[in-house]
PDB file of N, CA and C in Angstrom:
ATOM      1  N   UNK A   1      67.729  34.275 158.777  1.00  0.00           N
ATOM      2  CA  UNK A   1      67.842  34.181 160.224  1.00  0.00           C
ATOM      3  C   UNK A   1      66.802  33.195 160.737  1.00  0.00           C
ATOM      4  N   UNK A   2      67.227  32.247 161.539  1.00  0.00           N
ATOM      5  CA  UNK A   2      66.331  31.269 162.146  1.00  0.00           C
ATOM      6  C   UNK A   2      66.643  31.225 163.630  1.00  0.00           C
ATOM      7  N   UNK A   3      65.622  31.452 164.449  1.00  0.00           N
ATOM      8  CA  UNK A   3      65.780  31.471 165.890  1.00  0.00           C
ATOM      9  C   UNK A   3      64.835  30.460 166.509  1.00  0.00           C
ATOM     10  N   UNK A   4      65.313  29.627 167.428  1.00  0.00           N
ATOM     11  CA  UNK A   4      64.440  28.686 168.129  1.00  0.00           C
ATOM     12  C   UNK A   4      63.715  29.404 169.256  1.00  0.00           C
ATOM     13  N   UNK A   5      62.381  29.264 169.281  1.00  0.00           N
ATOM     14  CA  UNK A   5      61.574  29.835 170.349  1.00  0.00           C
ATOM     15  C   UNK A   5      61.318  28.789 171.431  1.00  0.00           C
ATOM     16  N   UNK A   6      61.223  27.559 171.036  1.00  0.00           N
ATOM     17  CA  UNK A   6      61.038  26.413 171.930  1.00  0.00           C
ATOM     18  C   UNK A   6      61.369  25.184 171.106  1.00  0.00           C
ATOM     19  N   UNK A   7      61.132  23.999 171.650  1.00  0.00           N
ATOM     20  CA  UNK A   7      61.367  22.786 170.875  1.00  0.00           C
ATOM     21  C   UNK A   7      60.428  22.713 169.675  1.00  0.00           C
ATOM     22  N   UNK A   8      59.223  23.237 169.826  1.00  0.00           N
ATOM     23  CA  UNK A   8      58.191  23.102 168.799  1.00  0.00           C
ATOM     24  C   UNK A   8      58.165  24.247 167.799  1.00  0.00           C
ATOM     25  N   UNK A   9      58.678  25.413 168.169  1.00  0.00           N
ATOM     26  CA  UNK A   9      58.576  26.597 167.315  1.00  0.00           C
ATOM     27  C   UNK A   9      59.927  27.228 167.043  1.00  0.00           C
ATOM     28  N   UNK A  10      60.056  27.806 165.863  1.00  0.00           N
ATOM     29  CA  UNK A  10      61.243  28.568 165.499  1.00  0.00           C
ATOM     30  C   UNK A  10      60.780  29.798 164.741  1.00  0.00           C
ATOM     31  N   UNK A  11      61.676  30.725 164.558  1.00  0.00           N
ATOM     32  CA  UNK A  11      61.333  31.986 163.919  1.00  0.00           C
ATOM     33  C   UNK A  11      62.234  32.213 162.706  1.00  0.00           C
ATOM     34  N   UNK A  12      61.636  32.671 161.612  1.00  0.00           N
ATOM     35  CA  UNK A  12      62.415  33.032 160.429  1.00  0.00           C
ATOM     36  C   UNK A  12      62.044  34.452 160.012  1.00  0.00           C
ATOM     37  N   UNK A  13      62.922  35.049 159.261  1.00  0.00           N
ATOM     38  CA  UNK A  13      62.745  36.423 158.792  1.00  0.00           C
ATOM     39  C   UNK A  13      61.993  36.450 157.464  1.00  0.00           C
ATOM     40  N   UNK A  14      61.277  37.512 157.232  1.00  0.00           N
ATOM     41  CA  UNK A  14      60.600  37.750 155.948  1.00  0.00           C
ATOM     42  C   UNK A  14      61.600  37.649 154.790  1.00  0.00           C
ATOM     43  N   UNK A  15      62.835  38.043 155.025  1.00  0.00           N
ATOM     44  CA  UNK A  15      63.875  38.009 153.993  1.00  0.00           C
ATOM     45  C   UNK A  15      64.163  36.592 153.488  1.00  0.00           C
ATOM     46  N   UNK A  16      63.851  35.589 154.295  1.00  0.00           N
ATOM     47  CA  UNK A  16      64.125  34.211 153.908  1.00  0.00           C
ATOM     48  C   UNK A  16      63.009  33.578 153.077  1.00  0.00           C
ATOM     49  N   UNK A  17      61.854  34.230 152.999  1.00  0.00           N
ATOM     50  CA  UNK A  17      60.712  33.675 152.260  1.00  0.00           C
ATOM     51  C   UNK A  17      60.969  33.821 150.758  1.00  0.00           C
ATOM     52  N   UNK A  18      60.826  32.706 150.027  1.00  0.00           N
ATOM     53  CA  UNK A  18      61.021  32.761 148.576  1.00  0.00           C
ATOM     54  C   UNK A  18      59.741  32.464 147.809  1.00  0.00           C
ATOM     55  N   UNK A  19      58.719  31.941 148.486  1.00  0.00           N
ATOM     56  CA  UNK A  19      57.459  31.647 147.811  1.00  0.00           C
ATOM     57  C   UNK A  19      56.359  31.470 148.845  1.00  0.00           C
ATOM     58  N   UNK A  20      55.120  31.682 148.382  1.00  0.00           N
ATOM     59  CA  UNK A  20      53.936  31.484 149.220  1.00  0.00           C
ATOM     60  C   UNK A  20      52.864  30.833 148.372  1.00  0.00           C
ATOM     61  N   UNK A  21      51.932  30.167 149.036  1.00  0.00           N
ATOM     62  CA  UNK A  21      50.818  29.583 148.302  1.00  0.00           C
ATOM     63  C   UNK A  21      49.767  29.033 149.240  1.00  0.00           C
ATOM     64  N   UNK A  22      48.768  28.399 148.630  1.00  0.00           N
ATOM     65  CA  UNK A  22      47.695  27.737 149.370  1.00  0.00           C
ATOM     66  C   UNK A  22      47.460  26.387 148.710  1.00  0.00           C
ATOM     67  N   UNK A  23      47.369  25.350 149.528  1.00  0.00           N
ATOM     68  CA  UNK A  23      47.061  24.023 149.027  1.00  0.00           C
ATOM     69  C   UNK A  23      46.021  23.401 149.950  1.00  0.00           C
ATOM     70  N   UNK A  24      44.965  22.881 149.391  1.00  0.00           N
ATOM     71  CA  UNK A  24      43.874  22.253 150.154  1.00  0.00           C
ATOM     72  C   UNK A  24      43.401  23.147 151.300  1.00  0.00           C
ATOM     73  N   UNK A  25      43.353  24.446 151.057  1.00  0.00           N
ATOM     74  CA  UNK A  25      42.877  25.391 152.057  1.00  0.00           C
ATOM     75  C   UNK A  25      43.889  25.781 153.116  1.00  0.00           C
ATOM     76  N   UNK A  26      45.123  25.335 152.975  1.00  0.00           N
ATOM     77  CA  UNK A  26      46.166  25.640 153.964  1.00  0.00           C
ATOM     78  C   UNK A  26      47.231  26.519 153.322  1.00  0.00           C
ATOM     79  N   UNK A  27      47.521  27.643 153.959  1.00  0.00           N
ATOM     80  CA  UNK A  27      48.588  28.527 153.481  1.00  0.00           C
ATOM     81  C   UNK A  27      49.941  27.871 153.748  1.00  0.00           C
ATOM     82  N   UNK A  28      50.874  28.125 152.847  1.00  0.00           N
ATOM     83  CA  UNK A  28      52.235  27.646 153.083  1.00  0.00           C
ATOM     84  C   UNK A  28      53.232  28.715 152.671  1.00  0.00           C
ATOM     85  N   UNK A  29      54.411  28.620 153.278  1.00  0.00           N
ATOM     86  CA  UNK A  29      55.543  29.451 152.884  1.00  0.00           C
ATOM     87  C   UNK A  29      56.711  28.531 152.540  1.00  0.00           C
ATOM     88  N   UNK A  30      57.493  28.950 151.587  1.00  0.00           N
ATOM     89  CA  UNK A  30      58.728  28.262 151.234  1.00  0.00           C
ATOM     90  C   UNK A  30      59.843  29.231 151.588  1.00  0.00           C
ATOM     91  N   UNK A  31      60.842  28.743 152.301  1.00  0.00           N
ATOM     92  CA  UNK A  31      61.925  29.615 152.739  1.00  0.00           C
ATOM     93  C   UNK A  31      63.270  28.919 152.584  1.00  0.00           C
ATOM     94  N   UNK A  32      64.310  29.752 152.494  1.00  0.00           N
ATOM     95  CA  UNK A  32      65.684  29.264 152.356  1.00  0.00           C
ATOM     96  C   UNK A  32      66.464  29.659 153.598  1.00  0.00           C
ATOM     97  N   UNK A  33      67.114  28.682 154.196  1.00  0.00           N
ATOM     98  CA  UNK A  33      67.930  28.940 155.384  1.00  0.00           C
ATOM     99  C   UNK A  33      68.975  27.830 155.526  1.00  0.00           C
ATOM    100  N   UNK A  34      70.182  28.189 155.846  1.00  0.00           N
ATOM    101  CA  UNK A  34      71.243  27.206 156.125  1.00  0.00           C
ATOM    102  C   UNK A  34      71.360  26.122 155.055  1.00  0.00           C
ATOM    103  N   UNK A  35      71.425  26.533 153.809  1.00  0.00           N
ATOM    104  CA  UNK A  35      71.576  25.620 152.672  1.00  0.00           C
ATOM    105  C   UNK A  35      70.458  24.588 152.595  1.00  0.00           C
ATOM    106  N   UNK A  36      69.241  25.043 152.860  1.00  0.00           N
ATOM    107  CA  UNK A  36      68.072  24.167 152.780  1.00  0.00           C
ATOM    108  C   UNK A  36      66.849  24.998 152.393  1.00  0.00           C
ATOM    109  N   UNK A  37      66.058  24.470 151.472  1.00  0.00           N
ATOM    110  CA  UNK A  37      64.791  25.085 151.106  1.00  0.00           C
ATOM    111  C   UNK A  37      63.703  24.226 151.734  1.00  0.00           C
ATOM    112  N   UNK A  38      62.895  24.841 152.588  1.00  0.00           N
ATOM    113  CA  UNK A  38      61.852  24.124 153.325  1.00  0.00           C
ATOM    114  C   UNK A  38      60.491  24.733 153.056  1.00  0.00           C
ATOM    115  N   UNK A  39      59.459  23.954 153.364  1.00  0.00           N
ATOM    116  CA  UNK A  39      58.084  24.437 153.306  1.00  0.00           C
ATOM    117  C   UNK A  39      57.488  24.300 154.704  1.00  0.00           C
ATOM    118  N   UNK A  40      56.659  25.270 155.089  1.00  0.00           N
ATOM    119  CA  UNK A  40      56.011  25.238 156.400  1.00  0.00           C
ATOM    120  C   UNK A  40      54.551  25.630 156.228  1.00  0.00           C
ATOM    121  N   UNK A  41      53.667  24.901 156.903  1.00  0.00           N
ATOM    122  CA  UNK A  41      52.225  25.133 156.760  1.00  0.00           C
ATOM    123  C   UNK A  41      51.544  25.540 158.066  1.00  0.00           C
ATOM    124  N   UNK A  42      52.324  25.836 159.089  1.00  0.00           N
ATOM    125  CA  UNK A  42      51.729  26.322 160.338  1.00  0.00           C
ATOM    126  C   UNK A  42      52.623  27.433 160.865  1.00  0.00           C
ATOM    127  N   UNK A  43      52.232  28.658 160.560  1.00  0.00           N
ATOM    128  CA  UNK A  43      53.047  29.817 160.906  1.00  0.00           C
ATOM    129  C   UNK A  43      52.161  31.006 161.228  1.00  0.00           C
ATOM    130  N   UNK A  44      52.764  31.959 161.919  1.00  0.00           N
ATOM    131  CA  UNK A  44      52.076  33.196 162.267  1.00  0.00           C
ATOM    132  C   UNK A  44      53.059  34.336 162.016  1.00  0.00           C
ATOM    133  N   UNK A  45      52.578  35.379 161.362  1.00  0.00           N
ATOM    134  CA  UNK A  45      53.406  36.553 161.103  1.00  0.00           C
ATOM    135  C   UNK A  45      53.372  37.441 162.334  1.00  0.00           C
ATOM    136  N   UNK A  46      54.552  37.845 162.799  1.00  0.00           N
ATOM    137  CA  UNK A  46      54.620  38.750 163.943  1.00  0.00           C
ATOM    138  C   UNK A  46      54.647  40.188 163.439  1.00  0.00           C
ATOM    139  N   UNK A  47      54.550  41.115 164.332  1.00  0.00           N
ATOM    140  CA  UNK A  47      54.540  42.525 163.958  1.00  0.00           C
ATOM    141  C   UNK A  47      55.909  43.051 163.533  1.00  0.00           C
ATOM    142  N   UNK A  48      56.925  42.255 163.639  1.00  0.00           N
ATOM    143  CA  UNK A  48      58.278  42.698 163.294  1.00  0.00           C
ATOM    144  C   UNK A  48      58.783  42.067 161.996  1.00  0.00           C
ATOM    145  N   UNK A  49      57.869  41.576 161.154  1.00  0.00           N
ATOM    146  CA  UNK A  49      58.274  40.963 159.894  1.00  0.00           C
ATOM    147  C   UNK A  49      58.923  39.610 160.056  1.00  0.00           C
ATOM    148  N   UNK A  50      58.646  38.964 161.163  1.00  0.00           N
ATOM    149  CA  UNK A  50      59.168  37.629 161.424  1.00  0.00           C
ATOM    150  C   UNK A  50      58.019  36.626 161.352  1.00  0.00           C
ATOM    151  N   UNK A  51      58.358  35.368 161.188  1.00  0.00           N
ATOM    152  CA  UNK A  51      57.368  34.304 161.142  1.00  0.00           C
ATOM    153  C   UNK A  51      57.663  33.316 162.258  1.00  0.00           C
ATOM    154  N   UNK A  52      56.678  33.063 163.107  1.00  0.00           N
ATOM    155  CA  UNK A  52      56.767  32.007 164.114  1.00  0.00           C
ATOM    156  C   UNK A  52      56.233  30.741 163.454  1.00  0.00           C
ATOM    157  N   UNK A  53      57.087  29.734 163.298  1.00  0.00           N
ATOM    158  CA  UNK A  53      56.742  28.512 162.569  1.00  0.00           C
ATOM    159  C   UNK A  53      56.768  27.303 163.494  1.00  0.00           C
ATOM    160  N   UNK A  54      55.789  26.435 163.330  1.00  0.00           N
ATOM    161  CA  UNK A  54      55.756  25.185 164.096  1.00  0.00           C
ATOM    162  C   UNK A  54      56.628  24.149 163.390  1.00  0.00           C
ATOM    163  N   UNK A  55      57.584  23.600 164.108  1.00  0.00           N
ATOM    164  CA  UNK A  55      58.529  22.640 163.537  1.00  0.00           C
ATOM    165  C   UNK A  55      57.843  21.357 163.053  1.00  0.00           C
ATOM    166  N   UNK A  56      56.716  20.996 163.632  1.00  0.00           N
ATOM    167  CA  UNK A  56      56.017  19.774 163.238  1.00  0.00           C
ATOM    168  C   UNK A  56      55.405  19.875 161.842  1.00  0.00           C
ATOM    169  N   UNK A  57      55.218  21.095 161.350  1.00  0.00           N
ATOM    170  CA  UNK A  57      54.608  21.339 160.046  1.00  0.00           C
ATOM    171  C   UNK A  57      55.649  21.804 159.027  1.00  0.00           C
ATOM    172  N   UNK A  58      56.869  21.400 159.218  1.00  0.00           N
ATOM    173  CA  UNK A  58      57.978  21.834 158.387  1.00  0.00           C
ATOM    174  C   UNK A  58      58.556  20.643 157.632  1.00  0.00           C
ATOM    175  N   UNK A  59      58.900  20.862 156.364  1.00  0.00           N
ATOM    176  CA  UNK A  59      59.438  19.771 155.553  1.00  0.00           C
ATOM    177  C   UNK A  59      60.480  20.319 154.588  1.00  0.00           C
ATOM    178  N   UNK A  60      61.587  19.610 154.450  1.00  0.00           N
ATOM    179  CA  UNK A  60      62.645  20.018 153.518  1.00  0.00           C
ATOM    180  C   UNK A  60      62.213  19.706 152.084  1.00  0.00           C
ATOM    181  N   UNK A  61      62.429  20.663 151.193  1.00  0.00           N
ATOM    182  CA  UNK A  61      62.144  20.454 149.773  1.00  0.00           C
ATOM    183  C   UNK A  61      63.399  20.082 148.990  1.00  0.00           C
ATOM    184  N   UNK A  62      64.480  20.834 149.220  1.00  0.00           N
ATOM    185  CA  UNK A  62      65.722  20.607 148.489  1.00  0.00           C
ATOM    186  C   UNK A  62      66.845  21.409 149.151  1.00  0.00           C
ATOM    187  N   UNK A  63      68.017  21.434 148.520  1.00  0.00           N
ATOM    188  CA  UNK A  63      69.180  22.094 149.126  1.00  0.00           C
ATOM    189  C   UNK A  63      69.422  23.520 148.652  1.00  0.00           C
ATOM    190  N   UNK A  64      69.029  23.837 147.430  1.00  0.00           N
ATOM    191  CA  UNK A  64      69.361  25.158 146.879  1.00  0.00           C
ATOM    192  C   UNK A  64      68.144  25.821 146.238  1.00  0.00           C
ATOM    193  N   UNK A  65      68.239  27.133 146.090  1.00  0.00           N
ATOM    194  CA  UNK A  65      67.167  27.879 145.430  1.00  0.00           C
ATOM    195  C   UNK A  65      67.082  27.472 143.961  1.00  0.00           C
ATOM    196  N   UNK A  66      68.207  27.212 143.324  1.00  0.00           N
ATOM    197  CA  UNK A  66      68.159  26.797 141.906  1.00  0.00           C
ATOM    198  C   UNK A  66      67.458  25.444 141.757  1.00  0.00           C
ATOM    199  N   UNK A  67      67.637  24.527 142.701  1.00  0.00           N
ATOM    200  CA  UNK A  67      66.892  23.262 142.673  1.00  0.00           C
ATOM    201  C   UNK A  67      65.403  23.535 142.842  1.00  0.00           C
ATOM    202  N   UNK A  68      65.067  24.434 143.764  1.00  0.00           N
ATOM    203  CA  UNK A  68      63.675  24.790 144.001  1.00  0.00           C
ATOM    204  C   UNK A  68      63.034  25.361 142.745  1.00  0.00           C
ATOM    205  N   UNK A  69      63.754  26.233 142.045  1.00  0.00           N
ATOM    206  CA  UNK A  69      63.219  26.867 140.839  1.00  0.00           C
ATOM    207  C   UNK A  69      62.925  25.864 139.733  1.00  0.00           C
ATOM    208  N   UNK A  70      63.566  24.700 139.777  1.00  0.00           N
ATOM    209  CA  UNK A  70      63.323  23.648 138.782  1.00  0.00           C
ATOM    210  C   UNK A  70      62.151  22.747 139.168  1.00  0.00           C
ATOM    211  N   UNK A  71      61.699  22.847 140.412  1.00  0.00           N
ATOM    212  CA  UNK A  71      60.589  22.012 140.878  1.00  0.00           C
ATOM    213  C   UNK A  71      59.285  22.520 140.274  1.00  0.00           C
ATOM    214  N   UNK A  72      58.423  21.612 139.923  1.00  0.00           N
ATOM    215  CA  UNK A  72      57.112  21.994 139.417  1.00  0.00           C
ATOM    216  C   UNK A  72      56.176  22.367 140.558  1.00  0.00           C
ATOM    217  N   UNK A  73      55.162  23.137 140.225  1.00  0.00           N
ATOM    218  CA  UNK A  73      54.180  23.570 141.223  1.00  0.00           C
ATOM    219  C   UNK A  73      53.507  22.366 141.888  1.00  0.00           C
ATOM    220  N   UNK A  74      53.233  21.332 141.119  1.00  0.00           N
ATOM    221  CA  UNK A  74      52.584  20.137 141.658  1.00  0.00           C
ATOM    222  C   UNK A  74      53.427  19.488 142.757  1.00  0.00           C
ATOM    223  N   UNK A  75      54.729  19.381 142.534  1.00  0.00           N
ATOM    224  CA  UNK A  75      55.635  18.786 143.532  1.00  0.00           C
ATOM    225  C   UNK A  75      55.683  19.645 144.796  1.00  0.00           C
ATOM    226  N   UNK A  76      55.776  20.964 144.624  1.00  0.00           N
ATOM    227  CA  UNK A  76      55.825  21.875 145.776  1.00  0.00           C
ATOM    228  C   UNK A  76      54.542  21.766 146.585  1.00  0.00           C
ATOM    229  N   UNK A  77      53.404  21.794 145.900  1.00  0.00           N
ATOM    230  CA  UNK A  77      52.122  21.709 146.602  1.00  0.00           C
ATOM    231  C   UNK A  77      51.924  20.347 147.257  1.00  0.00           C
ATOM    232  N   UNK A  78      52.422  19.302 146.641  1.00  0.00           N
ATOM    233  CA  UNK A  78      52.347  17.973 147.248  1.00  0.00           C
ATOM    234  C   UNK A  78      53.143  17.929 148.550  1.00  0.00           C
ATOM    235  N   UNK A  79      54.345  18.499 148.529  1.00  0.00           N
ATOM    236  CA  UNK A  79      55.171  18.532 149.739  1.00  0.00           C
ATOM    237  C   UNK A  79      54.565  19.451 150.801  1.00  0.00           C
ATOM    238  N   UNK A  80      53.928  20.537 150.377  1.00  0.00           N
ATOM    239  CA  UNK A  80      53.253  21.429 151.327  1.00  0.00           C
ATOM    240  C   UNK A  80      52.099  20.682 152.000  1.00  0.00           C
ATOM    241  N   UNK A  81      51.322  19.961 151.217  1.00  0.00           N
ATOM    242  CA  UNK A  81      50.217  19.180 151.784  1.00  0.00           C
ATOM    243  C   UNK A  81      50.759  18.126 152.756  1.00  0.00           C
ATOM    244  N   UNK A  82      51.826  17.451 152.369  1.00  0.00           N
ATOM    245  CA  UNK A  82      52.432  16.440 153.245  1.00  0.00           C
ATOM    246  C   UNK A  82      52.988  17.073 154.516  1.00  0.00           C
ATOM    247  N   UNK A  83      53.486  18.292 154.416  1.00  0.00           N
ATOM    248  CA  UNK A  83      53.941  19.029 155.593  1.00  0.00           C
ATOM    249  C   UNK A  83      52.788  19.233 156.564  1.00  0.00           C
ATOM    250  N   UNK A  84      51.642  19.617 156.017  1.00  0.00           N
ATOM    251  CA  UNK A  84      50.442  19.806 156.855  1.00  0.00           C
ATOM    252  C   UNK A  84      50.063  18.470 157.529  1.00  0.00           C
ATOM    253  N   UNK A  85      50.060  17.396 156.777  1.00  0.00           N
ATOM    254  CA  UNK A  85      49.680  16.088 157.321  1.00  0.00           C
ATOM    255  C   UNK A  85      50.680  15.617 158.374  1.00  0.00           C
ATOM    256  N   UNK A  86      51.964  15.886 158.169  1.00  0.00           N
ATOM    257  CA  UNK A  86      52.978  15.546 159.186  1.00  0.00           C
ATOM    258  C   UNK A  86      52.625  16.194 160.507  1.00  0.00           C
ATOM    259  N   UNK A  87      52.303  17.482 160.458  1.00  0.00           N
ATOM    260  CA  UNK A  87      51.986  18.222 161.671  1.00  0.00           C
ATOM    261  C   UNK A  87      50.716  17.738 162.348  1.00  0.00           C
ATOM    262  N   UNK A  88      49.699  17.466 161.555  1.00  0.00           N
ATOM    263  CA  UNK A  88      48.426  16.992 162.110  1.00  0.00           C
ATOM    264  C   UNK A  88      48.617  15.664 162.833  1.00  0.00           C
ATOM    265  N   UNK A  89      49.498  14.829 162.314  1.00  0.00           N
ATOM    266  CA  UNK A  89      49.707  13.495 162.893  1.00  0.00           C
ATOM    267  C   UNK A  89      50.755  13.472 164.013  1.00  0.00           C
ATOM    268  N   UNK A  90      51.376  14.609 164.293  1.00  0.00           N
ATOM    269  CA  UNK A  90      52.415  14.593 165.353  1.00  0.00           C
ATOM    270  C   UNK A  90      51.836  14.912 166.713  1.00  0.00           C
TER     271      UNK A  90
END
């Protein structure tokens, strides 16, 4: 489930999260929604098991979970870091 809160923020469900991590001191989540696996590095967990995510810190990784599972940790963390940099520069 993905809900737009504003132009800058959207909300996803805990059920959509497939991975979590930290890169260069920044937490990230990887989630699957609408035939896309994305990474986000600016999010807040709400009390209802939802995540408020900033769209500026979001980056597509691939199209399917099976593609994601073939990605190496280095590639995922590189894209997570780039997601953070995208947001900082927007």
